[in-house]
Amino acid sequence: MRRNAEAASVKADKKAGNEKMITQELQEFNINNYMDVVDPDRAEDISRYYFRGVACLDDLDESLKAALIWELKSVERDEETSSEIMWLYDTDSEYLEYALEEYSKRVLEEDVCRSFFELADTGDSEEKLLSLSGFELLPVESRDLRIPLSELREVHALRKKAPNYIRSLGSIDNDMFDQGMIKIMFNRNAGSLEDMYYLPKDWFDEKVSCCVMTDGMINGFLLVHRYPSGLMMPVFFSSSGSDSRYNLLEMMRFSAHSALAAYPGDTTVLIRRRNESVRKLTEKLFPGKTGDMVMSGERRER
């Protein structure tokens, strides 16, 4: 699904004043050229299977003027494919307008039916262009809840230590991990990750991530990724069997204790409230906590 690197950079016909723009596909091989402005966490994501990006550059000095990074969703599920814009950057509205046009072309090429986003710190000019591009905008509370790691010490349900059958991800080998992934694949449960089955074991934080090990088999995972910024995000949480609800709690206890032992208390933990069950869990664990206000947008592509 990736284009060849040779086709990543093309001259565009669109004029910016008296100068041409250059459009460039953002990929792993060139993202480091723009690390002075690109969000480091999104820069890491660009190497992942369903992430895409486009940049608009000044033709004279090849400086980055506008860029978008997005993730394709539900590509391999029996649902319509959607695209979430994960990061937006601009220094010139004319370049951003063209970047949005390029985005529209590229998502149609990949049979995307719906585009959406949750973006913080959007300005009036960006919101105007997004609206003109067909997005219906609405300020909302973010689905993401950001908790300082130190606050986990105050959660009564997490104070007890987990039993020995809860194992760190680092204590199991790659074959065991792969077998656990196969079970997840069989149950069609990918959590919040579109590319769950393309990620190596060491992409997850092996100290904080854990699994349920019973009778030599893995019956559950709590997988956490630590981004380059230091932000920690639980990305998969599931257990099977008769004790699954109890084991979910035990895995939370293990990860909380391990994270508190390994990282500073001001480390941010991002919990994505992707469905109602996760939202209810966060309300129980962190009563009164709310997400930041962000700008959301949505439009149909076809």
C-alpha atoms as a PDB file:
ATOM      1  CA  MET A   1       0.000   0.000   0.000  1.00  0.00           C
ATOM      2  CA  ARG A   2       3.042   2.271   0.301  1.00  0.00           C
ATOM      3  CA  ARG A   3       4.215   4.168  -2.751  1.00  0.00           C
ATOM      4  CA  ASN A   4       7.803   3.726  -3.848  1.00  0.00           C
ATOM      5  CA  ALA A   5      10.264   6.219  -2.383  1.00  0.00           C
ATOM      6  CA  GLU A   6      11.159   7.360  -5.921  1.00  0.00           C
ATOM      7  CA  ALA A   7       7.611   8.705  -6.341  1.00  0.00           C
ATOM      8  CA  ALA A   8       7.536  10.481  -3.010  1.00  0.00           C
ATOM      9  CA  SER A   9       8.482  13.946  -4.272  1.00  0.00           C
ATOM     10  CA  VAL A  10       6.786  15.654  -7.214  1.00  0.00           C
ATOM     11  CA  LYS A  11       6.541  19.180  -8.506  1.00  0.00           C
ATOM     12  CA  ALA A  12       3.059  20.665  -8.200  1.00  0.00           C
ATOM     13  CA  ASP A  13       1.382  23.036 -10.657  1.00  0.00           C
ATOM     14  CA  LYS A  14      -0.201  25.112  -7.895  1.00  0.00           C
ATOM     15  CA  LYS A  15       1.421  28.555  -7.563  1.00  0.00           C
ATOM     16  CA  ALA A  16       2.251  30.246  -4.255  1.00  0.00           C
ATOM     17  CA  GLY A  17       2.835  33.853  -5.258  1.00  0.00           C
ATOM     18  CA  ASN A  18       5.417  33.560  -8.047  1.00  0.00           C
ATOM     19  CA  GLU A  19       6.924  30.315  -6.843  1.00  0.00           C
ATOM     20  CA  LYS A  20       5.998  26.695  -7.298  1.00  0.00           C
ATOM     21  CA  MET A  21       5.256  24.393  -4.398  1.00  0.00           C
ATOM     22  CA  ILE A  22       6.848  21.011  -3.923  1.00  0.00           C
ATOM     23  CA  THR A  23       4.676  18.257  -2.521  1.00  0.00           C
ATOM     24  CA  GLN A  24       6.382  15.374  -0.816  1.00  0.00           C
ATOM     25  CA  GLU A  25       5.048  12.188   0.720  1.00  0.00           C
ATOM     26  CA  LEU A  26       6.219  11.909   4.309  1.00  0.00           C
ATOM     27  CA  GLN A  27       7.828   8.544   4.968  1.00  0.00           C
ATOM     28  CA  GLU A  28      10.326   7.010   7.334  1.00  0.00           C
ATOM     29  CA  PHE A  29      13.269   7.826   5.047  1.00  0.00           C
ATOM     30  CA  ASN A  30      12.618  11.601   4.962  1.00  0.00           C
ATOM     31  CA  ILE A  31      10.720  12.501   8.146  1.00  0.00           C
ATOM     32  CA  ASN A  32      13.969  13.359   9.959  1.00  0.00           C
ATOM     33  CA  ASN A  33      14.414  16.308   7.595  1.00  0.00           C
ATOM     34  CA  TYR A  34      11.552  18.069   9.392  1.00  0.00           C
ATOM     35  CA  MET A  35      12.064  17.094  13.022  1.00  0.00           C
ATOM     36  CA  ASP A  36      12.385  20.750  14.018  1.00  0.00           C
ATOM     37  CA  VAL A  37       8.621  21.128  13.509  1.00  0.00           C
ATOM     38  CA  VAL A  38       7.078  17.634  13.341  1.00  0.00           C
ATOM     39  CA  ASP A  39       5.539  16.203  16.508  1.00  0.00           C
ATOM     40  CA  PRO A  40       8.087  13.501  17.518  1.00  0.00           C
ATOM     41  CA  ASP A  41       5.348  11.011  18.362  1.00  0.00           C
ATOM     42  CA  ARG A  42       3.742  11.406  14.939  1.00  0.00           C
ATOM     43  CA  ALA A  43       7.184  11.207  13.341  1.00  0.00           C
ATOM     44  CA  GLU A  44       7.586   7.782  14.931  1.00  0.00           C
ATOM     45  CA  ASP A  45       4.124   6.774  13.718  1.00  0.00           C
ATOM     46  CA  ILE A  46       4.895   7.580  10.083  1.00  0.00           C
ATOM     47  CA  SER A  47       6.830   4.302   9.773  1.00  0.00           C
ATOM     48  CA  ARG A  48       3.762   2.287  10.764  1.00  0.00           C
ATOM     49  CA  TYR A  49       1.698   0.367   8.237  1.00  0.00           C
ATOM     50  CA  TYR A  50      -1.444   2.507   8.013  1.00  0.00           C
ATOM     51  CA  PHE A  51       0.037   5.964   8.590  1.00  0.00           C
ATOM     52  CA  ARG A  52       0.423   8.420   5.729  1.00  0.00           C
ATOM     53  CA  GLY A  53       1.704  11.977   5.410  1.00  0.00           C
ATOM     54  CA  VAL A  54       2.068  14.778   2.900  1.00  0.00           C
ATOM     55  CA  ALA A  55       4.198  17.931   3.058  1.00  0.00           C
ATOM     56  CA  CYS A  56       4.145  21.134   1.024  1.00  0.00           C
ATOM     57  CA  LEU A  57       7.539  22.812   0.663  1.00  0.00           C
ATOM     58  CA  ASP A  58       8.782  26.145  -0.617  1.00  0.00           C
ATOM     59  CA  ASP A  59      10.473  25.550  -3.977  1.00  0.00           C
ATOM     60  CA  LEU A  60      13.311  28.009  -3.271  1.00  0.00           C
ATOM     61  CA  ASP A  61      14.636  26.723   0.050  1.00  0.00           C
ATOM     62  CA  GLU A  62      12.551  23.528   0.469  1.00  0.00           C
ATOM     63  CA  SER A  63      11.377  24.702   3.896  1.00  0.00           C
ATOM     64  CA  LEU A  64       8.271  23.000   5.256  1.00  0.00           C
ATOM     65  CA  LYS A  65       5.227  25.258   4.925  1.00  0.00           C
ATOM     66  CA  ALA A  66       2.333  22.863   5.599  1.00  0.00           C
ATOM     67  CA  ALA A  67       1.897  19.178   6.376  1.00  0.00           C
ATOM     68  CA  LEU A  68      -0.653  16.551   7.368  1.00  0.00           C
ATOM     69  CA  ILE A  69      -0.220  13.108   8.936  1.00  0.00           C
ATOM     70  CA  TRP A  70      -3.159  10.712   9.020  1.00  0.00           C
ATOM     71  CA  GLU A  71      -4.005   7.105   9.858  1.00  0.00           C
ATOM     72  CA  LEU A  72      -6.190   4.778   7.819  1.00  0.00           C
ATOM     73  CA  LYS A  73      -8.701   2.840   9.903  1.00  0.00           C
ATOM     74  CA  SER A  74     -10.796  -0.310   9.415  1.00  0.00           C
ATOM     75  CA  VAL A  75      -8.903  -1.251   6.252  1.00  0.00           C
ATOM     76  CA  GLU A  76      -8.978  -4.957   7.128  1.00  0.00           C
ATOM     77  CA  ARG A  77     -12.350  -5.064   8.854  1.00  0.00           C
ATOM     78  CA  ASP A  78     -15.871  -5.511   7.516  1.00  0.00           C
ATOM     79  CA  GLU A  79     -16.472  -1.782   7.887  1.00  0.00           C
ATOM     80  CA  GLU A  80     -16.036   1.214   5.637  1.00  0.00           C
ATOM     81  CA  THR A  81     -12.498   2.573   5.606  1.00  0.00           C
ATOM     82  CA  SER A  82     -11.983   5.878   7.415  1.00  0.00           C
ATOM     83  CA  SER A  83      -9.070   8.237   7.900  1.00  0.00           C
ATOM     84  CA  GLU A  84      -8.125  10.195  11.004  1.00  0.00           C
ATOM     85  CA  ILE A  85      -5.972  13.306  10.614  1.00  0.00           C
ATOM     86  CA  MET A  86      -3.527  12.977  13.499  1.00  0.00           C
ATOM     87  CA  TRP A  87      -1.367  16.083  13.001  1.00  0.00           C
ATOM     88  CA  LEU A  88      -1.616  19.321  11.056  1.00  0.00           C
ATOM     89  CA  TYR A  89       1.032  22.006  10.564  1.00  0.00           C
ATOM     90  CA  ASP A  90       1.069  25.223   8.584  1.00  0.00           C
ATOM     91  CA  THR A  91       2.852  28.551   8.308  1.00  0.00           C
ATOM     92  CA  ASP A  92       0.967  29.733   5.220  1.00  0.00           C
ATOM     93  CA  SER A  93      -2.732  29.220   4.490  1.00  0.00           C
ATOM     94  CA  GLU A  94      -2.135  28.846   0.750  1.00  0.00           C
ATOM     95  CA  TYR A  95       0.185  25.902   1.328  1.00  0.00           C
ATOM     96  CA  LEU A  96      -2.220  24.342   3.816  1.00  0.00           C
ATOM     97  CA  GLU A  97      -5.036  24.667   1.289  1.00  0.00           C
ATOM     98  CA  TYR A  98      -2.971  22.707  -1.195  1.00  0.00           C
ATOM     99  CA  ALA A  99      -1.971  20.133   1.443  1.00  0.00           C
ATOM    100  CA  LEU A 100      -5.666  19.542   2.147  1.00  0.00           C
ATOM    101  CA  GLU A 101      -6.322  19.124  -1.578  1.00  0.00           C
ATOM    102  CA  GLU A 102      -3.526  16.563  -1.773  1.00  0.00           C
ATOM    103  CA  TYR A 103      -4.957  14.784   1.272  1.00  0.00           C
ATOM    104  CA  SER A 104      -8.375  14.589  -0.415  1.00  0.00           C
ATOM    105  CA  LYS A 105      -6.874  13.020  -3.533  1.00  0.00           C
ATOM    106  CA  ARG A 106      -4.871  10.472  -1.602  1.00  0.00           C
ATOM    107  CA  VAL A 107      -7.632   9.227   0.676  1.00  0.00           C
ATOM    108  CA  LEU A 108      -9.927   8.743  -2.330  1.00  0.00           C
ATOM    109  CA  GLU A 109      -7.201   6.611  -3.925  1.00  0.00           C
ATOM    110  CA  GLU A 110      -7.354   4.355  -0.853  1.00  0.00           C
ATOM    111  CA  ASP A 111     -11.169   4.075  -0.865  1.00  0.00           C
ATOM    112  CA  VAL A 112     -11.671   6.121   2.301  1.00  0.00           C
ATOM    113  CA  CYS A 113     -15.336   6.857   2.965  1.00  0.00           C
ATOM    114  CA  ARG A 114     -15.043   9.166   5.992  1.00  0.00           C
ATOM    115  CA  SER A 115     -12.424  11.558   7.357  1.00  0.00           C
ATOM    116  CA  PHE A 116     -12.343  12.873  10.902  1.00  0.00           C
ATOM    117  CA  PHE A 117     -10.030  14.439  13.469  1.00  0.00           C
ATOM    118  CA  GLU A 118      -9.562  15.724  17.001  1.00  0.00           C
ATOM    119  CA  LEU A 119      -6.976  18.507  16.972  1.00  0.00           C
ATOM    120  CA  ALA A 120      -5.786  20.821  19.712  1.00  0.00           C
ATOM    121  CA  ASP A 121      -4.491  24.366  19.192  1.00  0.00           C
ATOM    122  CA  THR A 122      -6.069  24.937  15.785  1.00  0.00           C
ATOM    123  CA  GLY A 123      -6.158  28.609  14.796  1.00  0.00           C
ATOM    124  CA  ASP A 124      -8.884  30.582  13.061  1.00  0.00           C
ATOM    125  CA  SER A 125      -7.217  30.327   9.632  1.00  0.00           C
ATOM    126  CA  GLU A 126      -6.787  26.564   9.943  1.00  0.00           C
ATOM    127  CA  GLU A 127     -10.376  26.083  11.069  1.00  0.00           C
ATOM    128  CA  LYS A 128     -11.596  28.225   8.176  1.00  0.00           C
ATOM    129  CA  LEU A 129      -9.713  26.114   5.645  1.00  0.00           C
ATOM    130  CA  LEU A 130     -10.877  22.865   7.220  1.00  0.00           C
ATOM    131  CA  SER A 131     -14.449  24.113   7.075  1.00  0.00           C
ATOM    132  CA  LEU A 132     -14.066  25.190   3.435  1.00  0.00           C
ATOM    133  CA  SER A 133     -12.672  21.715   2.734  1.00  0.00           C
ATOM    134  CA  GLY A 134     -15.985  20.217   3.824  1.00  0.00           C
ATOM    135  CA  PHE A 135     -15.365  19.347   7.465  1.00  0.00           C
ATOM    136  CA  GLU A 136     -18.130  20.017   9.970  1.00  0.00           C
ATOM    137  CA  LEU A 137     -16.336  21.484  12.985  1.00  0.00           C
ATOM    138  CA  LEU A 138     -17.338  21.285  16.631  1.00  0.00           C
ATOM    139  CA  PRO A 139     -15.444  22.041  19.864  1.00  0.00           C
ATOM    140  CA  VAL A 140     -15.661  18.978  22.142  1.00  0.00           C
ATOM    141  CA  GLU A 141     -14.050  17.369  25.161  1.00  0.00           C
ATOM    142  CA  SER A 142     -11.267  15.134  23.904  1.00  0.00           C
ATOM    143  CA  ARG A 143     -11.707  11.374  24.030  1.00  0.00           C
ATOM    144  CA  ASP A 144      -8.161  11.322  25.464  1.00  0.00           C
ATOM    145  CA  LEU A 145      -7.685  11.509  29.222  1.00  0.00           C
ATOM    146  CA  ARG A 146      -4.215  12.601  30.368  1.00  0.00           C
ATOM    147  CA  ILE A 147      -3.214  11.449  33.842  1.00  0.00           C
ATOM    148  CA  PRO A 148       0.113  12.111  35.621  1.00  0.00           C
ATOM    149  CA  LEU A 149       1.650   8.752  36.446  1.00  0.00           C
ATOM    150  CA  SER A 150       1.924   9.733  40.131  1.00  0.00           C
ATOM    151  CA  GLU A 151      -1.881   9.792  40.411  1.00  0.00           C
ATOM    152  CA  LEU A 152      -1.980   6.020  39.979  1.00  0.00           C
ATOM    153  CA  ARG A 153      -0.678   5.766  43.558  1.00  0.00           C
ATOM    154  CA  GLU A 154      -3.958   7.292  44.744  1.00  0.00           C
ATOM    155  CA  VAL A 155      -6.216   4.802  42.961  1.00  0.00           C
ATOM    156  CA  HIS A 156      -7.348   2.403  45.679  1.00  0.00           C
ATOM    157  CA  ALA A 157      -8.125  -0.457  43.266  1.00  0.00           C
ATOM    158  CA  LEU A 158      -4.523  -0.454  41.994  1.00  0.00           C
ATOM    159  CA  ARG A 159      -2.658  -0.499  45.315  1.00  0.00           C
ATOM    160  CA  LYS A 160      -2.566  -4.273  45.750  1.00  0.00           C
ATOM    161  CA  LYS A 161       0.243  -6.127  43.974  1.00  0.00           C
ATOM    162  CA  ALA A 162      -0.614  -8.485  41.130  1.00  0.00           C
ATOM    163  CA  PRO A 163      -0.222 -12.288  41.440  1.00  0.00           C
ATOM    164  CA  ASN A 164       2.729 -14.150  39.918  1.00  0.00           C
ATOM    165  CA  TYR A 165       0.813 -15.418  36.899  1.00  0.00           C
ATOM    166  CA  ILE A 166       0.715 -11.851  35.601  1.00  0.00           C
ATOM    167  CA  ARG A 167       3.976 -11.639  33.679  1.00  0.00           C
ATOM    168  CA  SER A 168       5.843  -8.723  32.181  1.00  0.00           C
ATOM    169  CA  LEU A 169       6.072  -8.683  28.400  1.00  0.00           C
ATOM    170  CA  GLY A 170       9.856  -8.755  28.754  1.00  0.00           C
ATOM    171  CA  SER A 171       9.694 -12.127  30.542  1.00  0.00           C
ATOM    172  CA  ILE A 172       8.133 -13.982  27.595  1.00  0.00           C
ATOM    173  CA  ASP A 173       9.819 -14.848  24.314  1.00  0.00           C
ATOM    174  CA  ASN A 174       8.794 -13.814  20.814  1.00  0.00           C
ATOM    175  CA  ASP A 175       7.132 -17.163  20.071  1.00  0.00           C
ATOM    176  CA  MET A 176       4.848 -16.848  23.108  1.00  0.00           C
ATOM    177  CA  PHE A 177       4.028 -13.294  22.106  1.00  0.00           C
ATOM    178  CA  ASP A 178       3.192 -14.369  18.557  1.00  0.00           C
ATOM    179  CA  GLN A 179       0.937 -17.159  19.849  1.00  0.00           C
ATOM    180  CA  GLY A 180      -0.904 -14.625  21.981  1.00  0.00           C
ATOM    181  CA  MET A 181      -1.309 -12.379  18.937  1.00  0.00           C
ATOM    182  CA  ILE A 182      -2.705 -15.283  16.928  1.00  0.00           C
ATOM    183  CA  LYS A 183      -5.337 -15.840  19.616  1.00  0.00           C
ATOM    184  CA  ILE A 184      -6.247 -12.145  19.490  1.00  0.00           C
ATOM    185  CA  MET A 185      -6.458 -12.304  15.707  1.00  0.00           C
ATOM    186  CA  PHE A 186      -8.724 -15.348  15.926  1.00  0.00           C
ATOM    187  CA  ASN A 187     -11.030 -13.438  18.274  1.00  0.00           C
ATOM    188  CA  ARG A 188     -10.894 -10.379  15.949  1.00  0.00           C
ATOM    189  CA  ASN A 189      -9.914  -8.117  18.806  1.00  0.00           C
ATOM    190  CA  ALA A 190      -7.338  -5.490  17.875  1.00  0.00           C
ATOM    191  CA  GLY A 191      -8.005  -2.967  20.600  1.00  0.00           C
ATOM    192  CA  SER A 192      -7.214   0.587  19.567  1.00  0.00           C
ATOM    193  CA  LEU A 193      -4.458  -0.378  17.101  1.00  0.00           C
ATOM    194  CA  GLU A 194      -5.157  -0.796  13.393  1.00  0.00           C
ATOM    195  CA  ASP A 195      -1.727  -2.348  12.801  1.00  0.00           C
ATOM    196  CA  MET A 196      -1.636  -4.590  15.875  1.00  0.00           C
ATOM    197  CA  TYR A 197      -0.332  -7.600  13.981  1.00  0.00           C
ATOM    198  CA  TYR A 198       2.431  -5.704  12.180  1.00  0.00           C
ATOM    199  CA  LEU A 199       4.120  -4.391  15.332  1.00  0.00           C
ATOM    200  CA  PRO A 200       7.084  -6.228  16.865  1.00  0.00           C
ATOM    201  CA  LYS A 201       7.088  -7.201  20.526  1.00  0.00           C
ATOM    202  CA  ASP A 202       9.686  -4.574  21.401  1.00  0.00           C
ATOM    203  CA  TRP A 203       7.469  -1.747  20.069  1.00  0.00           C
ATOM    204  CA  PHE A 204       5.585  -2.141  23.343  1.00  0.00           C
ATOM    205  CA  ASP A 205       7.127  -1.115  26.663  1.00  0.00           C
ATOM    206  CA  GLU A 206       8.295  -4.512  27.878  1.00  0.00           C
ATOM    207  CA  LYS A 207       8.618  -3.429  31.529  1.00  0.00           C
ATOM    208  CA  VAL A 208       5.106  -1.977  31.863  1.00  0.00           C
ATOM    209  CA  SER A 209       3.202  -4.169  29.394  1.00  0.00           C
ATOM    210  CA  CYS A 210       2.088  -7.544  30.739  1.00  0.00           C
ATOM    211  CA  CYS A 211       0.130 -10.704  30.041  1.00  0.00           C
ATOM    212  CA  VAL A 212      -1.939 -13.345  31.816  1.00  0.00           C
ATOM    213  CA  MET A 213      -0.122 -16.685  31.767  1.00  0.00           C
ATOM    214  CA  THR A 214      -2.172 -19.769  32.731  1.00  0.00           C
ATOM    215  CA  ASP A 215      -1.236 -23.378  31.969  1.00  0.00           C
ATOM    216  CA  GLY A 216       1.599 -22.185  29.752  1.00  0.00           C
ATOM    217  CA  MET A 217      -0.715 -20.146  27.543  1.00  0.00           C
ATOM    218  CA  ILE A 218      -1.351 -16.432  27.218  1.00  0.00           C
ATOM    219  CA  ASN A 219      -4.957 -15.514  27.936  1.00  0.00           C
ATOM    220  CA  GLY A 220      -4.721 -11.745  28.000  1.00  0.00           C
ATOM    221  CA  PHE A 221      -2.563  -8.705  27.311  1.00  0.00           C
ATOM    222  CA  LEU A 222      -2.254  -5.185  28.615  1.00  0.00           C
ATOM    223  CA  LEU A 223       0.074  -3.536  26.117  1.00  0.00           C
ATOM    224  CA  VAL A 224       1.539  -0.075  26.617  1.00  0.00           C
ATOM    225  CA  HIS A 225       3.590   2.001  24.187  1.00  0.00           C
ATOM    226  CA  ARG A 226       6.010   4.700  25.306  1.00  0.00           C
ATOM    227  CA  TYR A 227       6.360   7.416  22.680  1.00  0.00           C
ATOM    228  CA  PRO A 228       9.544   9.437  22.017  1.00  0.00           C
ATOM    229  CA  SER A 229       8.035  12.378  23.957  1.00  0.00           C
ATOM    230  CA  GLY A 230       7.853  10.122  27.035  1.00  0.00           C
ATOM    231  CA  LEU A 231       4.067   9.871  26.884  1.00  0.00           C
ATOM    232  CA  MET A 232       2.759   6.422  27.843  1.00  0.00           C
ATOM    233  CA  MET A 233      -0.367   5.059  26.193  1.00  0.00           C
ATOM    234  CA  PRO A 234      -2.178   1.760  26.875  1.00  0.00           C
ATOM    235  CA  VAL A 235      -2.997   0.503  23.389  1.00  0.00           C
ATOM    236  CA  PHE A 236      -4.433  -2.958  23.963  1.00  0.00           C
ATOM    237  CA  PHE A 237      -6.303  -4.447  26.928  1.00  0.00           C
ATOM    238  CA  SER A 238      -8.099  -7.773  26.739  1.00  0.00           C
ATOM    239  CA  SER A 239      -8.449 -11.083  28.552  1.00  0.00           C
ATOM    240  CA  SER A 240     -10.317 -14.311  27.877  1.00  0.00           C
ATOM    241  CA  GLY A 241     -11.601 -17.168  30.012  1.00  0.00           C
ATOM    242  CA  SER A 242     -13.806 -17.480  33.094  1.00  0.00           C
ATOM    243  CA  ASP A 243     -11.596 -15.174  35.200  1.00  0.00           C
ATOM    244  CA  SER A 244     -11.196 -12.528  32.504  1.00  0.00           C
ATOM    245  CA  ARG A 245     -12.725  -9.625  34.466  1.00  0.00           C
ATOM    246  CA  TYR A 246     -10.597 -10.388  37.517  1.00  0.00           C
ATOM    247  CA  ASN A 247      -7.471 -10.740  35.372  1.00  0.00           C
ATOM    248  CA  LEU A 248      -8.067  -7.383  33.702  1.00  0.00           C
ATOM    249  CA  LEU A 249      -7.842  -5.764  37.140  1.00  0.00           C
ATOM    250  CA  GLU A 250      -4.704  -7.724  37.997  1.00  0.00           C
ATOM    251  CA  MET A 251      -3.000  -6.619  34.789  1.00  0.00           C
ATOM    252  CA  MET A 252      -3.849  -2.999  35.582  1.00  0.00           C
ATOM    253  CA  ARG A 253      -2.267  -3.437  38.993  1.00  0.00           C
ATOM    254  CA  PHE A 254       0.876  -4.965  37.498  1.00  0.00           C
ATOM    255  CA  SER A 255       1.286  -2.195  34.913  1.00  0.00           C
ATOM    256  CA  ALA A 256       0.638   0.574  37.433  1.00  0.00           C
ATOM    257  CA  HIS A 257       3.242  -0.775  39.886  1.00  0.00           C
ATOM    258  CA  SER A 258       5.774  -1.383  37.096  1.00  0.00           C
ATOM    259  CA  ALA A 259       5.338   2.087  35.586  1.00  0.00           C
ATOM    260  CA  LEU A 260       5.650   3.812  38.971  1.00  0.00           C
ATOM    261  CA  ALA A 261       8.875   1.902  39.628  1.00  0.00           C
ATOM    262  CA  ALA A 262      10.361   2.638  36.208  1.00  0.00           C
ATOM    263  CA  TYR A 263       9.416   6.238  35.368  1.00  0.00           C
ATOM    264  CA  PRO A 264       9.107   9.697  36.979  1.00  0.00           C
ATOM    265  CA  GLY A 265       5.794  10.633  38.562  1.00  0.00           C
ATOM    266  CA  ASP A 266       5.238  13.497  36.115  1.00  0.00           C
ATOM    267  CA  THR A 267       5.169  11.084  33.155  1.00  0.00           C
ATOM    268  CA  THR A 268       1.888  11.525  31.284  1.00  0.00           C
ATOM    269  CA  VAL A 269      -0.357   8.509  30.796  1.00  0.00           C
ATOM    270  CA  LEU A 270      -2.801   8.953  27.912  1.00  0.00           C
ATOM    271  CA  ILE A 271      -5.957   6.848  28.096  1.00  0.00           C
ATOM    272  CA  ARG A 272      -8.017   6.868  24.910  1.00  0.00           C
ATOM    273  CA  ARG A 273     -11.696   6.513  25.795  1.00  0.00           C
ATOM    274  CA  ARG A 274     -12.492   4.777  22.537  1.00  0.00           C
ATOM    275  CA  ASN A 275     -15.764   3.228  23.631  1.00  0.00           C
ATOM    276  CA  GLU A 276     -18.321   3.354  26.423  1.00  0.00           C
ATOM    277  CA  SER A 277     -16.767   0.549  28.456  1.00  0.00           C
ATOM    278  CA  VAL A 278     -13.396   2.351  28.602  1.00  0.00           C
ATOM    279  CA  ARG A 279     -15.160   5.599  29.493  1.00  0.00           C
ATOM    280  CA  LYS A 280     -17.006   3.943  32.382  1.00  0.00           C
ATOM    281  CA  LEU A 281     -13.749   2.414  33.629  1.00  0.00           C
ATOM    282  CA  THR A 282     -11.972   5.784  33.652  1.00  0.00           C
ATOM    283  CA  GLU A 283     -14.911   7.408  35.456  1.00  0.00           C
ATOM    284  CA  LYS A 284     -14.597   4.762  38.158  1.00  0.00           C
ATOM    285  CA  LEU A 285     -10.817   4.972  38.488  1.00  0.00           C
ATOM    286  CA  PHE A 286     -10.471   8.747  38.036  1.00  0.00           C
ATOM    287  CA  PRO A 287     -13.759  10.358  39.109  1.00  0.00           C
ATOM    288  CA  GLY A 288     -14.153  13.947  38.009  1.00  0.00           C
ATOM    289  CA  LYS A 289     -11.294  13.811  35.481  1.00  0.00           C
ATOM    290  CA  THR A 290     -12.082  15.306  32.079  1.00  0.00           C
ATOM    291  CA  GLY A 291     -10.267  15.650  28.791  1.00  0.00           C
ATOM    292  CA  ASP A 292      -8.985  18.859  27.234  1.00  0.00           C
ATOM    293  CA  MET A 293     -11.173  20.845  24.856  1.00  0.00           C
ATOM    294  CA  VAL A 294     -10.278  20.156  21.215  1.00  0.00           C
ATOM    295  CA  MET A 295     -11.664  20.890  17.769  1.00  0.00           C
ATOM    296  CA  SER A 296     -13.287  17.892  16.119  1.00  0.00           C
ATOM    297  CA  GLY A 297     -14.213  17.591  12.478  1.00  0.00           C
ATOM    298  CA  GLU A 298     -15.817  15.083  10.136  1.00  0.00           C
ATOM    299  CA  ARG A 299     -16.707  14.822   6.474  1.00  0.00           C
ATOM    300  CA  ARG A 300     -17.818  12.160   4.001  1.00  0.00           C
ATOM    301  CA  GLU A 301     -15.399  11.310   1.212  1.00  0.00           C
ATOM    302  CA  ARG A 302     -17.748   9.172  -0.872  1.00  0.00           C
END
